[in-house]
């Protein structure tokens, strides 16, 4: 009883500092991860923040 260890829990994987929601945005069309400075997707040229839902 001298060894009081807590049950092991799976550790959450720490996200990389660049993957914390700041510094990148995912394209809503092709899902490519773009840098924060990009105003349009470097893969498919869709503007940042473009919605894929139809309004009609």
N, C-alpha and C. Protein backbone atom coordinates (compact mmCIF):
# COMPACT_ATOMS: atom_id res chain seq x y z
N UNK A 1 0.81 -1.21 0.00
CA UNK A 1 0.00 0.00 0.00
C UNK A 1 0.84 1.26 0.00
N UNK A 2 2.15 1.11 0.05
CA UNK A 2 3.01 2.27 0.07
C UNK A 2 3.06 3.00 -1.26
N UNK A 3 2.69 2.32 -2.36
CA UNK A 3 2.75 2.92 -3.69
C UNK A 3 1.38 3.47 -4.06
N UNK A 4 1.19 4.77 -3.86
CA UNK A 4 -0.10 5.39 -4.17
C UNK A 4 -0.02 6.07 -5.53
N UNK A 5 -0.30 5.32 -6.55
CA UNK A 5 -0.32 5.90 -7.88
C UNK A 5 -1.76 5.98 -8.35
N UNK A 6 -2.07 7.03 -9.04
CA UNK A 6 -3.42 7.17 -9.56
C UNK A 6 -3.55 6.31 -10.82
N UNK A 7 -4.75 5.90 -11.11
CA UNK A 7 -4.95 5.12 -12.34
C UNK A 7 -4.47 5.93 -13.54
N UNK A 8 -3.86 5.25 -14.45
CA UNK A 8 -3.34 5.97 -15.62
C UNK A 8 -4.48 6.34 -16.55
N UNK A 9 -4.44 7.56 -16.95
CA UNK A 9 -5.41 8.06 -17.92
C UNK A 9 -4.68 8.32 -19.22
N UNK A 10 -5.34 8.07 -20.33
CA UNK A 10 -4.69 8.42 -21.59
C UNK A 10 -4.50 9.94 -21.66
N UNK A 11 -3.31 10.35 -21.96
CA UNK A 11 -3.04 11.78 -22.04
C UNK A 11 -3.59 12.34 -23.33
N UNK A 12 -4.16 13.52 -23.22
CA UNK A 12 -4.60 14.19 -24.43
C UNK A 12 -3.38 14.65 -25.19
N UNK A 13 -3.41 14.45 -26.48
CA UNK A 13 -2.27 14.89 -27.26
C UNK A 13 -2.30 16.40 -27.35
N UNK A 14 -1.19 16.99 -27.04
CA UNK A 14 -1.09 18.45 -27.12
C UNK A 14 -1.02 18.85 -28.57
N UNK A 15 -1.80 19.83 -28.91
CA UNK A 15 -1.78 20.32 -30.28
C UNK A 15 -0.56 21.20 -30.47
N UNK A 16 -0.06 21.20 -31.66
CA UNK A 16 1.08 22.07 -31.96
C UNK A 16 0.64 23.51 -31.81
N UNK A 17 1.55 24.38 -31.42
CA UNK A 17 1.20 25.77 -31.15
C UNK A 17 0.61 26.45 -32.39
N UNK A 18 1.01 26.02 -33.57
CA UNK A 18 0.47 26.63 -34.79
C UNK A 18 -0.92 26.09 -35.11
N UNK A 19 -1.35 25.06 -34.39
CA UNK A 19 -2.63 24.42 -34.68
C UNK A 19 -3.65 24.74 -33.59
N UNK A 20 -3.54 25.91 -32.98
CA UNK A 20 -4.41 26.24 -31.87
C UNK A 20 -5.60 27.11 -32.28
N UNK A 21 -5.92 27.13 -33.56
CA UNK A 21 -7.03 27.94 -34.03
C UNK A 21 -6.59 29.30 -34.52
N UNK A 22 -5.36 29.68 -34.20
CA UNK A 22 -4.82 30.94 -34.67
C UNK A 22 -3.70 30.62 -35.64
N UNK A 23 -3.65 31.34 -36.73
CA UNK A 23 -2.55 31.11 -37.65
C UNK A 23 -2.92 30.28 -38.86
N UNK A 24 -4.07 29.62 -38.81
CA UNK A 24 -4.49 28.82 -39.95
C UNK A 24 -6.00 28.89 -40.11
N UNK A 25 -6.46 28.61 -41.31
CA UNK A 25 -7.89 28.45 -41.54
C UNK A 25 -8.06 27.34 -42.56
N UNK A 26 -9.10 26.54 -42.36
CA UNK A 26 -9.39 25.44 -43.27
C UNK A 26 -10.37 25.89 -44.33
N UNK A 27 -10.04 25.62 -45.59
CA UNK A 27 -10.93 25.97 -46.69
C UNK A 27 -12.24 25.20 -46.56
N UNK A 28 -13.36 25.88 -46.73
CA UNK A 28 -14.66 25.23 -46.59
C UNK A 28 -15.00 24.37 -47.81
N UNK A 29 -14.25 24.52 -48.90
CA UNK A 29 -14.53 23.76 -50.11
C UNK A 29 -13.61 22.54 -50.22
N UNK A 30 -12.29 22.76 -50.15
CA UNK A 30 -11.37 21.64 -50.34
C UNK A 30 -10.70 21.19 -49.06
N UNK A 31 -10.97 21.85 -47.96
CA UNK A 31 -10.47 21.56 -46.61
C UNK A 31 -8.96 21.73 -46.45
N UNK A 32 -8.29 22.36 -47.40
CA UNK A 32 -6.86 22.61 -47.27
C UNK A 32 -6.62 23.61 -46.15
N UNK A 33 -5.59 23.40 -45.35
CA UNK A 33 -5.27 24.31 -44.25
C UNK A 33 -4.36 25.41 -44.78
N UNK A 34 -4.88 26.63 -44.78
CA UNK A 34 -4.17 27.79 -45.29
C UNK A 34 -3.59 28.60 -44.15
N UNK A 35 -2.58 29.41 -44.45
CA UNK A 35 -2.02 30.30 -43.44
C UNK A 35 -3.01 31.43 -43.18
N UNK A 36 -2.90 32.04 -42.03
CA UNK A 36 -3.82 33.11 -41.64
C UNK A 36 -3.72 34.30 -42.57
N UNK A 37 -2.56 34.51 -43.17
CA UNK A 37 -2.36 35.66 -44.06
C UNK A 37 -3.06 35.49 -45.40
N UNK A 38 -3.38 34.26 -45.77
CA UNK A 38 -4.00 34.00 -47.07
C UNK A 38 -5.45 34.49 -47.09
N UNK A 39 -5.78 35.28 -48.09
CA UNK A 39 -7.15 35.77 -48.23
C UNK A 39 -8.00 34.82 -49.06
N UNK A 40 -7.33 33.93 -49.79
CA UNK A 40 -8.04 32.90 -50.54
C UNK A 40 -7.24 31.62 -50.46
N UNK A 41 -7.89 30.51 -50.68
CA UNK A 41 -7.25 29.20 -50.58
C UNK A 41 -6.17 29.07 -51.65
N UNK A 42 -5.00 28.62 -51.25
CA UNK A 42 -3.91 28.47 -52.20
C UNK A 42 -4.11 27.27 -53.12
N UNK A 43 -5.03 26.38 -52.77
CA UNK A 43 -5.28 25.21 -53.61
C UNK A 43 -6.41 25.44 -54.61
N UNK A 44 -7.52 26.03 -54.15
CA UNK A 44 -8.68 26.14 -55.04
C UNK A 44 -9.15 27.57 -55.27
N UNK A 45 -8.44 28.55 -54.73
CA UNK A 45 -8.73 29.98 -54.94
C UNK A 45 -10.07 30.45 -54.39
N UNK A 46 -10.68 29.70 -53.49
CA UNK A 46 -11.92 30.13 -52.86
C UNK A 46 -11.58 31.14 -51.78
N UNK A 47 -12.35 32.23 -51.71
CA UNK A 47 -12.09 33.26 -50.71
C UNK A 47 -12.31 32.74 -49.30
N UNK A 48 -11.53 33.25 -48.37
CA UNK A 48 -11.65 32.89 -46.97
C UNK A 48 -13.04 33.23 -46.46
N UNK A 49 -13.67 32.30 -45.77
CA UNK A 49 -14.99 32.55 -45.20
C UNK A 49 -16.14 32.25 -46.14
N UNK A 50 -15.85 31.74 -47.33
CA UNK A 50 -16.91 31.41 -48.28
C UNK A 50 -17.71 30.23 -47.76
N UNK A 51 -19.03 30.38 -47.81
CA UNK A 51 -19.91 29.31 -47.35
C UNK A 51 -20.19 28.35 -48.50
N UNK A 52 -20.34 27.09 -48.15
CA UNK A 52 -20.67 26.08 -49.18
C UNK A 52 -22.16 25.78 -49.24
N UNK A 53 -22.95 26.39 -48.35
CA UNK A 53 -24.39 26.12 -48.35
C UNK A 53 -25.09 26.97 -49.41
N UNK A 54 -26.12 26.38 -50.00
CA UNK A 54 -26.90 27.11 -51.00
C UNK A 54 -27.98 27.91 -50.34
N UNK A 55 -28.21 29.10 -50.83
CA UNK A 55 -29.22 29.97 -50.26
C UNK A 55 -30.59 29.76 -50.87
N UNK A 56 -30.67 29.15 -52.01
CA UNK A 56 -31.98 28.97 -52.70
C UNK A 56 -32.60 27.66 -52.36
